[in-house]
PDB file of N, CA and C in Angstrom:
ATOM      1  N   MET A   1       0.750  -1.350  -0.634  1.00  0.00           N
ATOM      2  CA  MET A   1      -0.418   0.341  -0.400  1.00  0.00           C
ATOM      3  C   MET A   1       0.290   1.027   0.569  1.00  0.00           C
ATOM      4  N   TYR A   2       1.803   1.359   0.845  1.00  0.00           N
ATOM      5  CA  TYR A   2       3.188   2.414   1.088  1.00  0.00           C
ATOM      6  C   TYR A   2       3.715   2.550  -0.446  1.00  0.00           C
ATOM      7  N   ARG A   3       4.486   3.991  -0.857  1.00  0.00           N
ATOM      8  CA  ARG A   3       4.928   4.072  -1.926  1.00  0.00           C
ATOM      9  C   ARG A   3       6.322   4.356  -1.117  1.00  0.00           C
ATOM     10  N   GLU A   4       7.418   3.703  -1.754  1.00  0.00           N
ATOM     11  CA  GLU A   4       8.630   4.502  -1.143  1.00  0.00           C
ATOM     12  C   GLU A   4       8.934   5.165  -2.537  1.00  0.00           C
ATOM     13  N   LEU A   5       9.750   6.640  -1.731  1.00  0.00           N
ATOM     14  CA  LEU A   5      10.081   7.832  -2.327  1.00  0.00           C
ATOM     15  C   LEU A   5      12.119   7.918  -1.053  1.00  0.00           C
ATOM     16  N   THR A   6      12.294   8.253  -2.089  1.00  0.00           N
ATOM     17  CA  THR A   6      14.441   8.381  -1.250  1.00  0.00           C
ATOM     18  C   THR A   6      13.862   9.918  -1.664  1.00  0.00           C
ATOM     19  N   ILE A   7      14.696  10.635  -0.419  1.00  0.00           N
ATOM     20  CA  ILE A   7      15.169  11.803   0.057  1.00  0.00           C
ATOM     21  C   ILE A   7      16.412  12.516   0.130  1.00  0.00           C
ATOM     22  N   SER A   8      16.794  13.592   0.226  1.00  0.00           N
ATOM     23  CA  SER A   8      18.562  13.726   1.020  1.00  0.00           C
ATOM     24  C   SER A   8      18.790  12.994   2.739  1.00  0.00           C
ATOM     25  N   SER A   9      19.821  12.462   1.987  1.00  0.00           N
ATOM     26  CA  SER A   9      19.876  11.920   3.588  1.00  0.00           C
ATOM     27  C   SER A   9      20.408  13.242   4.157  1.00  0.00           C
ATOM     28  N   GLY A  10      20.418  14.477   3.716  1.00  0.00           N
ATOM     29  CA  GLY A  10      21.182  15.626   4.556  1.00  0.00           C
ATOM     30  C   GLY A  10      19.670  16.399   5.464  1.00  0.00           C
ATOM     31  N   VAL A  11      18.914  15.555   5.477  1.00  0.00           N
ATOM     32  CA  VAL A  11      17.788  16.343   6.533  1.00  0.00           C
ATOM     33  C   VAL A  11      18.717  15.767   8.179  1.00  0.00           C
ATOM     34  N   PRO A  12      17.959  16.933   8.296  1.00  0.00           N
ATOM     35  CA  PRO A  12      18.634  17.034   9.500  1.00  0.00           C
ATOM     36  C   PRO A  12      17.709  15.754  10.623  1.00  0.00           C
ATOM     37  N   ALA A  13      18.142  15.071  11.334  1.00  0.00           N
ATOM     38  CA  ALA A  13      18.128  14.600  12.170  1.00  0.00           C
ATOM     39  C   ALA A  13      16.859  15.013  13.285  1.00  0.00           C
ATOM     40  N   HIS A  14      16.966  15.770  13.773  1.00  0.00           N
ATOM     41  CA  HIS A  14      16.204  16.573  14.110  1.00  0.00           C
ATOM     42  C   HIS A  14      14.356  16.712  13.539  1.00  0.00           C
ATOM     43  N   LYS A  15      15.221  16.706  12.537  1.00  0.00           N
ATOM     44  CA  LYS A  15      13.071  16.856  11.968  1.00  0.00           C
ATOM     45  C   LYS A  15      13.000  16.156  11.444  1.00  0.00           C
ATOM     46  N   LEU A  16      13.241  14.935  11.390  1.00  0.00           N
ATOM     47  CA  LEU A  16      12.889  13.817  11.686  1.00  0.00           C
ATOM     48  C   LEU A  16      12.438  12.953  12.772  1.00  0.00           C
ATOM     49  N   ARG A  17      12.890  13.538  13.592  1.00  0.00           N
ATOM     50  CA  ARG A  17      12.753  13.126  15.189  1.00  0.00           C
ATOM     51  C   ARG A  17      11.624  13.324  15.688  1.00  0.00           C
ATOM     52  N   LYS A  18      11.582  15.118  14.976  1.00  0.00           N
ATOM     53  CA  LYS A  18       9.695  16.051  15.294  1.00  0.00           C
ATOM     54  C   LYS A  18       8.448  14.759  14.461  1.00  0.00           C
ATOM     55  N   ALA A  19       9.207  14.673  12.984  1.00  0.00           N
ATOM     56  CA  ALA A  19       8.456  14.023  12.239  1.00  0.00           C
ATOM     57  C   ALA A  19       7.307  13.122  13.143  1.00  0.00           C
ATOM     58  N   PHE A  20       8.798  12.191  13.585  1.00  0.00           N
ATOM     59  CA  PHE A  20       7.963  10.841  14.289  1.00  0.00           C
ATOM     60  C   PHE A  20       7.152  11.170  15.500  1.00  0.00           C
ATOM     61  N   ARG A  21       7.549  12.486  16.401  1.00  0.00           N
ATOM     62  CA  ARG A  21       6.654  12.583  17.778  1.00  0.00           C
ATOM     63  C   ARG A  21       5.609  13.503  16.935  1.00  0.00           C
ATOM     64  N   ASP A  22       4.850  14.387  16.700  1.00  0.00           N
ATOM     65  CA  ASP A  22       3.970  15.124  16.748  1.00  0.00           C
ATOM     66  C   ASP A  22       3.117  15.003  14.668  1.00  0.00           C
ATOM     67  N   GLY A  23       3.942  13.766  13.549  1.00  0.00           N
ATOM     68  CA  GLY A  23       3.462  13.446  12.634  1.00  0.00           C
ATOM     69  C   GLY A  23       3.190  14.832  11.409  1.00  0.00           C
ATOM     70  N   LYS A  24       4.131  15.729  11.200  1.00  0.00           N
ATOM     71  CA  LYS A  24       4.277  16.933  10.523  1.00  0.00           C
ATOM     72  C   LYS A  24       6.356  16.551   9.749  1.00  0.00           C
ATOM     73  N   LEU A  25       5.980  16.719   8.872  1.00  0.00           N
ATOM     74  CA  LEU A  25       7.329  16.831   8.049  1.00  0.00           C
ATOM     75  C   LEU A  25       7.054  17.630   7.125  1.00  0.00           C
ATOM     76  N   SER A  26       7.876  18.652   7.180  1.00  0.00           N
ATOM     77  CA  SER A  26       8.024  19.927   5.941  1.00  0.00           C
ATOM     78  C   SER A  26       9.699  19.424   5.171  1.00  0.00           C
ATOM     79  N   LEU A  27       9.493  18.955   4.250  1.00  0.00           N
ATOM     80  CA  LEU A  27      11.098  19.266   3.010  1.00  0.00           C
ATOM     81  C   LEU A  27      10.565  20.372   2.204  1.00  0.00           C
ATOM     82  N   THR A  28      12.342  21.007   2.320  1.00  0.00           N
ATOM     83  CA  THR A  28      12.509  21.863   0.646  1.00  0.00           C
ATOM     84  C   THR A  28      12.693  21.025  -0.310  1.00  0.00           C
ATOM     85  N   ALA A  29      12.545  21.815  -1.115  1.00  0.00           N
ATOM     86  CA  ALA A  29      12.821  21.032  -2.816  1.00  0.00           C
ATOM     87  C   ALA A  29      14.025  20.574  -2.490  1.00  0.00           C
ATOM     88  N   ALA A  30      15.121  20.981  -2.253  1.00  0.00           N
ATOM     89  CA  ALA A  30      16.863  20.715  -1.853  1.00  0.00           C
ATOM     90  C   ALA A  30      16.317  19.247  -1.212  1.00  0.00           C
ATOM     91  N   GLU A  31      16.170  18.721   0.288  1.00  0.00           N
ATOM     92  CA  GLU A  31      15.664  17.468   0.574  1.00  0.00           C
ATOM     93  C   GLU A  31      14.810  17.233  -0.197  1.00  0.00           C
ATOM     94  N   LEU A  32      13.820  16.913  -1.295  1.00  0.00           N
ATOM     95  CA  LEU A  32      13.834  16.461  -2.318  1.00  0.00           C
ATOM     96  C   LEU A  32      14.444  15.547  -3.497  1.00  0.00           C
ATOM     97  N   GLN A  33      14.975  16.259  -3.712  1.00  0.00           N
ATOM     98  CA  GLN A  33      15.900  16.297  -4.964  1.00  0.00           C
ATOM     99  C   GLN A  33      17.489  14.911  -4.659  1.00  0.00           C
ATOM    100  N   GLY A  34      17.329  15.118  -3.200  1.00  0.00           N
ATOM    101  CA  GLY A  34      18.443  14.047  -2.946  1.00  0.00           C
ATOM    102  C   GLY A  34      18.395  12.967  -3.060  1.00  0.00           C
ATOM    103  N   SER A  35      19.295  11.945  -2.201  1.00  0.00           N
ATOM    104  CA  SER A  35      19.384  10.405  -2.191  1.00  0.00           C
ATOM    105  C   SER A  35      19.654  10.273  -0.908  1.00  0.00           C
ATOM    106  N   GLY A  36      19.108   9.066  -0.918  1.00  0.00           N
ATOM    107  CA  GLY A  36      19.768   8.064   0.405  1.00  0.00           C
ATOM    108  C   GLY A  36      19.434   7.901   1.554  1.00  0.00           C
ATOM    109  N   ALA A  37      17.780   8.151   1.464  1.00  0.00           N
ATOM    110  CA  ALA A  37      17.473   8.611   2.697  1.00  0.00           C
ATOM    111  C   ALA A  37      15.833   7.835   2.092  1.00  0.00           C
ATOM    112  N   LYS A  38      14.804   7.258   2.830  1.00  0.00           N
ATOM    113  CA  LYS A  38      13.659   6.882   2.033  1.00  0.00           C
ATOM    114  C   LYS A  38      12.549   6.643   3.531  1.00  0.00           C
ATOM    115  N   LEU A  39      11.416   7.031   2.790  1.00  0.00           N
ATOM    116  CA  LEU A  39      10.615   7.197   3.684  1.00  0.00           C
ATOM    117  C   LEU A  39       9.158   6.386   2.565  1.00  0.00           C
ATOM    118  N   HIS A  40       8.336   5.834   3.758  1.00  0.00           N
ATOM    119  CA  HIS A  40       7.434   5.113   2.632  1.00  0.00           C
ATOM    120  C   HIS A  40       6.288   6.241   3.434  1.00  0.00           C
ATOM    121  N   LEU A  41       5.659   6.710   2.191  1.00  0.00           N
ATOM    122  CA  LEU A  41       4.331   7.071   1.972  1.00  0.00           C
ATOM    123  C   LEU A  41       2.799   7.003   1.712  1.00  0.00           C
ATOM    124  N   HIS A  42       2.169   7.018   2.513  1.00  0.00           N
ATOM    125  CA  HIS A  42       0.579   6.777   2.048  1.00  0.00           C
ATOM    126  C   HIS A  42       0.178   7.665  -0.102  1.00  0.00           C
ATOM    127  N   PRO A  43      -0.357   7.081  -0.527  1.00  0.00           N
ATOM    128  CA  PRO A  43      -0.344   7.101  -1.636  1.00  0.00           C
ATOM    129  C   PRO A  43      -0.935   8.841  -2.145  1.00  0.00           C
ATOM    130  N   GLU A  44      -1.640   9.309  -1.443  1.00  0.00           N
ATOM    131  CA  GLU A  44      -1.984  10.426  -1.324  1.00  0.00           C
ATOM    132  C   GLU A  44      -0.771  11.256  -1.456  1.00  0.00           C
ATOM    133  N   SER A  45      -0.304  11.461  -0.118  1.00  0.00           N
ATOM    134  CA  SER A  45       1.153  11.862  -0.051  1.00  0.00           C
ATOM    135  C   SER A  45       1.952  11.658  -0.729  1.00  0.00           C
ATOM    136  N   HIS A  46       2.415  10.467  -1.552  1.00  0.00           N
ATOM    137  CA  HIS A  46       3.445  10.715  -2.278  1.00  0.00           C
ATOM    138  C   HIS A  46       3.024  11.148  -3.853  1.00  0.00           C
ATOM    139  N   GLU A  47       1.926  11.309  -3.893  1.00  0.00           N
ATOM    140  CA  GLU A  47       1.703  12.236  -5.358  1.00  0.00           C
ATOM    141  C   GLU A  47       1.609  14.180  -4.928  1.00  0.00           C
ATOM    142  N   LYS A  48       1.328  14.273  -3.566  1.00  0.00           N
ATOM    143  CA  LYS A  48       1.399  15.215  -2.930  1.00  0.00           C
ATOM    144  C   LYS A  48       3.323  15.982  -2.812  1.00  0.00           C
ATOM    145  N   VAL A  49       4.020  14.771  -2.758  1.00  0.00           N
ATOM    146  CA  VAL A  49       5.387  15.163  -2.999  1.00  0.00           C
ATOM    147  C   VAL A  49       6.282  14.839  -4.762  1.00  0.00           C
ATOM    148  N   LEU A  50       5.277  13.973  -5.040  1.00  0.00           N
ATOM    149  CA  LEU A  50       5.462  14.770  -6.805  1.00  0.00           C
ATOM    150  C   LEU A  50       5.204  15.629  -7.470  1.00  0.00           C
ATOM    151  N   LYS A  51       4.061  16.402  -6.950  1.00  0.00           N
ATOM    152  CA  LYS A  51       3.435  17.322  -7.881  1.00  0.00           C
ATOM    153  C   LYS A  51       4.193  18.351  -7.283  1.00  0.00           C
ATOM    154  N   ALA A  52       5.283  18.482  -5.939  1.00  0.00           N
ATOM    155  CA  ALA A  52       5.696  19.232  -4.917  1.00  0.00           C
ATOM    156  C   ALA A  52       7.740  19.409  -6.364  1.00  0.00           C
ATOM    157  N   MET A  53       7.624  18.290  -6.230  1.00  0.00           N
ATOM    158  CA  MET A  53       8.774  18.105  -6.857  1.00  0.00           C
ATOM    159  C   MET A  53       8.752  18.496  -8.236  1.00  0.00           C
ATOM    160  N   LYS A  54       7.626  18.507  -9.212  1.00  0.00           N
ATOM    161  CA  LYS A  54       7.656  19.026 -10.173  1.00  0.00           C
ATOM    162  C   LYS A  54       8.117  20.218 -10.619  1.00  0.00           C
ATOM    163  N   ALA A  55       6.841  20.767  -9.803  1.00  0.00           N
ATOM    164  CA  ALA A  55       6.916  22.618  -9.574  1.00  0.00           C
ATOM    165  C   ALA A  55       8.397  22.801  -9.001  1.00  0.00           C
ATOM    166  N   GLY A  56       9.220  22.288  -8.084  1.00  0.00           N
ATOM    167  CA  GLY A  56      10.084  22.400  -7.701  1.00  0.00           C
ATOM    168  C   GLY A  56      10.146  23.507  -6.324  1.00  0.00           C
ATOM    169  N   ARG A  57       9.922  22.835  -5.364  1.00  0.00           N
ATOM    170  CA  ARG A  57       9.271  23.541  -4.257  1.00  0.00           C
ATOM    171  C   ARG A  57       9.473  22.341  -3.136  1.00  0.00           C
ATOM    172  N   GLY A  58       9.388  23.079  -2.238  1.00  0.00           N
ATOM    173  CA  GLY A  58       8.939  21.909  -0.733  1.00  0.00           C
ATOM    174  C   GLY A  58       7.895  21.675  -0.549  1.00  0.00           C
ATOM    175  N   VAL A  59       7.168  20.609  -0.097  1.00  0.00           N
ATOM    176  CA  VAL A  59       5.982  20.379   0.825  1.00  0.00           C
ATOM    177  C   VAL A  59       6.005  19.937   2.174  1.00  0.00           C
ATOM    178  N   ARG A  60       4.827  20.616   2.565  1.00  0.00           N
ATOM    179  CA  ARG A  60       4.198  19.806   3.895  1.00  0.00           C
ATOM    180  C   ARG A  60       3.989  18.833   4.593  1.00  0.00           C
ATOM    181  N   LEU A  61       4.106  18.094   4.997  1.00  0.00           N
ATOM    182  CA  LEU A  61       2.741  16.629   4.805  1.00  0.00           C
ATOM    183  C   LEU A  61       2.520  15.937   5.916  1.00  0.00           C
ATOM    184  N   HIS A  62       2.250  15.071   6.724  1.00  0.00           N
ATOM    185  CA  HIS A  62       1.596  15.020   7.283  1.00  0.00           C
ATOM    186  C   HIS A  62       1.675  13.059   8.166  1.00  0.00           C
ATOM    187  N   ILE A  63       2.538  12.623   8.146  1.00  0.00           N
ATOM    188  CA  ILE A  63       2.263  11.602   7.941  1.00  0.00           C
ATOM    189  C   ILE A  63       2.339  10.834   9.780  1.00  0.00           C
ATOM    190  N   THR A  64       2.834   9.554   9.232  1.00  0.00           N
ATOM    191  CA  THR A  64       2.462   8.582  10.545  1.00  0.00           C
ATOM    192  C   THR A  64       3.968   7.910  11.277  1.00  0.00           C
ATOM    193  N   ARG A  65       4.061   7.135  12.144  1.00  0.00           N
ATOM    194  CA  ARG A  65       5.325   6.706  12.377  1.00  0.00           C
ATOM    195  C   ARG A  65       5.896   5.226  11.282  1.00  0.00           C
ATOM    196  N   HIS A  66       4.599   4.903  11.044  1.00  0.00           N
ATOM    197  CA  HIS A  66       5.326   3.888   9.822  1.00  0.00           C
ATOM    198  C   HIS A  66       5.876   4.425   8.989  1.00  0.00           C
ATOM    199  N   GLU A  67       5.677   5.463   8.303  1.00  0.00           N
ATOM    200  CA  GLU A  67       6.469   5.953   7.409  1.00  0.00           C
ATOM    201  C   GLU A  67       7.643   6.506   7.032  1.00  0.00           C
ATOM    202  N   ILE A  68       8.829   6.340   8.256  1.00  0.00           N
ATOM    203  CA  ILE A  68       9.202   7.073   8.413  1.00  0.00           C
ATOM    204  C   ILE A  68      10.654   6.122   8.341  1.00  0.00           C
ATOM    205  N   ASN A  69      10.915   5.187   7.496  1.00  0.00           N
ATOM    206  CA  ASN A  69      11.820   3.849   7.736  1.00  0.00           C
ATOM    207  C   ASN A  69      13.242   4.114   7.978  1.00  0.00           C
ATOM    208  N   PRO A  70      14.276   3.982   9.117  1.00  0.00           N
ATOM    209  CA  PRO A  70      15.562   4.246   9.275  1.00  0.00           C
ATOM    210  C   PRO A  70      16.005   3.600   8.669  1.00  0.00           C
ATOM    211  N   SER A  71      16.621   4.052   8.249  1.00  0.00           N
ATOM    212  CA  SER A  71      17.938   3.168   7.513  1.00  0.00           C
ATOM    213  C   SER A  71      18.636   2.313   8.224  1.00  0.00           C
ATOM    214  N   SER A  72      19.114   1.923   8.287  1.00  0.00           N
ATOM    215  CA  SER A  72      19.750   0.228   9.083  1.00  0.00           C
ATOM    216  C   SER A  72      20.721  -0.509   8.146  1.00  0.00           C
ATOM    217  N   PRO A  73      21.900  -0.740   8.542  1.00  0.00           N
ATOM    218  CA  PRO A  73      23.036  -1.255   8.028  1.00  0.00           C
ATOM    219  C   PRO A  73      22.223  -3.143   8.320  1.00  0.00           C
ATOM    220  N   ASP A  74      21.684  -3.198   8.091  1.00  0.00           N
ATOM    221  CA  ASP A  74      21.284  -4.652   7.161  1.00  0.00           C
ATOM    222  C   ASP A  74      19.959  -4.497   7.185  1.00  0.00           C
ATOM    223  N   ALA A  75      19.086  -4.152   6.276  1.00  0.00           N
ATOM    224  CA  ALA A  75      18.641  -3.515   5.258  1.00  0.00           C
ATOM    225  C   ALA A  75      19.008  -4.117   4.221  1.00  0.00           C
ATOM    226  N   ALA A  76      18.199  -4.689   3.154  1.00  0.00           N
ATOM    227  CA  ALA A  76      18.715  -5.120   2.447  1.00  0.00           C
ATOM    228  C   ALA A  76      17.700  -4.985   0.921  1.00  0.00           C
TER     229      ALA A  76
END
């Protein structure tokens, strides 16, 4: 059901911790263009992000704890 999205690994850790705690995540256009970190987003949120990327702007998302997928060395 969730769709995977790759974002910049340069997203500050405090921003992800805050999103994990309160469910709100703001990503800049630069953070959307990077690679290295992954989020699993609800299809509606994924479409919202793709639209923002196409327009070259940032996006604010309301996400759940399950949508933040921390990278781990064991992940394949």
